[in-house]
Amino acid sequence: MVDMWALYDYRETQTRRSGDPYSSRKVQSEYMCTEKVKRLIKVEEFSGHMGSGEVVHKQSYLFSTEQSKWTQINLGGGESLWKMACKKD
């Protein structure tokens, strides 16, 4: 099992449903490498680029039974992160 953070930096400002703008997001996920599944642990959104500025939104999914379910790794970005976390080629 591997725990990993990913940083998403957006060229254009994103807007939450609440109307709050953010420019970057950090996402913590947990990967079960042998099963090729992951679950979301935490999300933090920031007013500035590269995780800087004020925290606009923060949410933990660790104790949320619905949100922290294990899900299959998808092709594309999800698979790339799994490969990186689990040191797969």
Protein backbone atom coordinates (compact mmCIF):
# COMPACT_ATOMS: atom_id res chain seq x y z
CA MET A 1 0.00 0.00 0.00
CA VAL A 2 1.32 3.45 -0.96
CA ASP A 3 0.18 6.93 0.09
CA MET A 4 0.91 9.73 -2.42
CA TRP A 5 0.14 13.41 -2.93
CA ALA A 6 -0.43 14.88 -6.42
CA LEU A 7 -0.34 18.61 -7.18
CA TYR A 8 -2.55 19.99 -9.96
CA ASP A 9 -1.74 23.52 -11.11
CA TYR A 10 -4.25 25.16 -13.45
CA ARG A 11 -3.42 27.74 -16.11
CA GLU A 12 -6.85 29.27 -15.74
CA THR A 13 -8.57 29.83 -12.42
CA GLN A 14 -11.09 27.14 -11.54
CA THR A 15 -14.34 27.83 -9.68
CA ARG A 16 -15.88 25.65 -6.99
CA ARG A 17 -19.65 25.08 -6.95
CA SER A 18 -19.73 27.53 -4.03
CA GLY A 19 -18.25 30.18 -6.35
CA ASP A 20 -14.83 30.25 -4.65
CA PRO A 21 -11.95 30.48 -7.15
CA TYR A 22 -8.81 28.33 -6.90
CA SER A 23 -5.63 27.99 -8.96
CA SER A 24 -4.15 24.74 -7.67
CA ARG A 25 -5.18 21.57 -5.90
CA LYS A 26 -3.36 18.95 -3.81
CA VAL A 27 -4.89 15.48 -3.72
CA GLN A 28 -3.80 12.72 -1.35
CA SER A 29 -4.60 9.18 -2.49
CA GLU A 30 -3.84 5.73 -1.20
CA TYR A 31 -2.93 2.99 -3.69
CA MET A 32 -3.17 -0.75 -3.21
CA CYS A 33 -0.56 -1.69 -5.79
CA THR A 34 -1.23 -5.42 -6.11
CA GLU A 35 -4.97 -4.90 -6.61
CA LYS A 36 -4.53 -1.84 -8.90
CA VAL A 37 -7.06 0.22 -6.91
CA LYS A 38 -6.98 3.59 -5.16
CA ARG A 39 -9.01 5.67 -2.75
CA LEU A 40 -9.17 9.38 -2.09
CA ILE A 41 -7.89 10.54 1.30
CA LYS A 42 -7.77 14.35 1.21
CA VAL A 43 -8.23 17.33 -1.16
CA GLU A 44 -6.93 20.86 -0.58
CA GLU A 45 -7.55 23.75 -3.02
CA PHE A 46 -5.44 26.92 -3.01
CA SER A 47 -5.94 30.48 -4.21
CA GLY A 48 -2.40 30.60 -5.66
CA HIS A 49 -0.43 28.47 -8.09
CA MET A 50 1.62 25.43 -7.04
CA GLY A 51 -0.15 25.04 -3.69
CA SER A 52 0.48 28.61 -2.57
CA GLY A 53 -1.78 31.29 -1.17
CA GLU A 54 -4.79 30.72 1.02
CA VAL A 55 -6.53 27.38 1.41
CA VAL A 56 -9.87 27.88 -0.34
CA HIS A 57 -11.24 24.42 0.45
CA LYS A 58 -10.08 21.41 2.44
CA GLN A 59 -11.82 18.07 2.79
CA SER A 60 -10.83 14.74 4.29
CA TYR A 61 -12.42 11.56 2.95
CA LEU A 62 -10.68 9.14 5.30
CA PHE A 63 -13.70 8.55 7.51
CA SER A 64 -16.32 9.03 4.78
CA THR A 65 -17.54 5.55 3.86
CA GLU A 66 -18.95 6.61 0.49
CA GLN A 67 -16.06 8.79 -0.71
CA SER A 68 -13.19 6.60 0.51
CA LYS A 69 -14.23 3.47 -1.36
CA TRP A 70 -11.55 1.66 -3.32
CA THR A 71 -11.90 2.23 -7.08
CA GLN A 72 -10.21 0.65 -10.07
CA ILE A 73 -7.36 2.59 -11.67
CA ASN A 74 -8.42 4.20 -14.97
CA LEU A 75 -6.30 4.46 -18.09
CA GLY A 76 -4.63 7.83 -18.60
CA GLY A 77 -3.79 10.14 -15.71
CA GLY A 78 -5.02 7.74 -13.06
CA GLU A 79 -2.88 4.94 -14.41
CA SER A 80 0.17 7.23 -14.69
CA LEU A 81 -0.13 8.17 -11.01
CA TRP A 82 -0.58 4.50 -10.02
CA LYS A 83 2.55 3.56 -11.99
CA MET A 84 4.51 6.32 -10.29
CA ALA A 85 3.25 5.46 -6.79
CA CYS A 86 3.75 1.71 -7.22
CA LYS A 87 6.99 1.99 -9.24
CA LYS A 88 5.55 0.17 -12.27
CA ASP A 89 6.83 0.50 -15.86
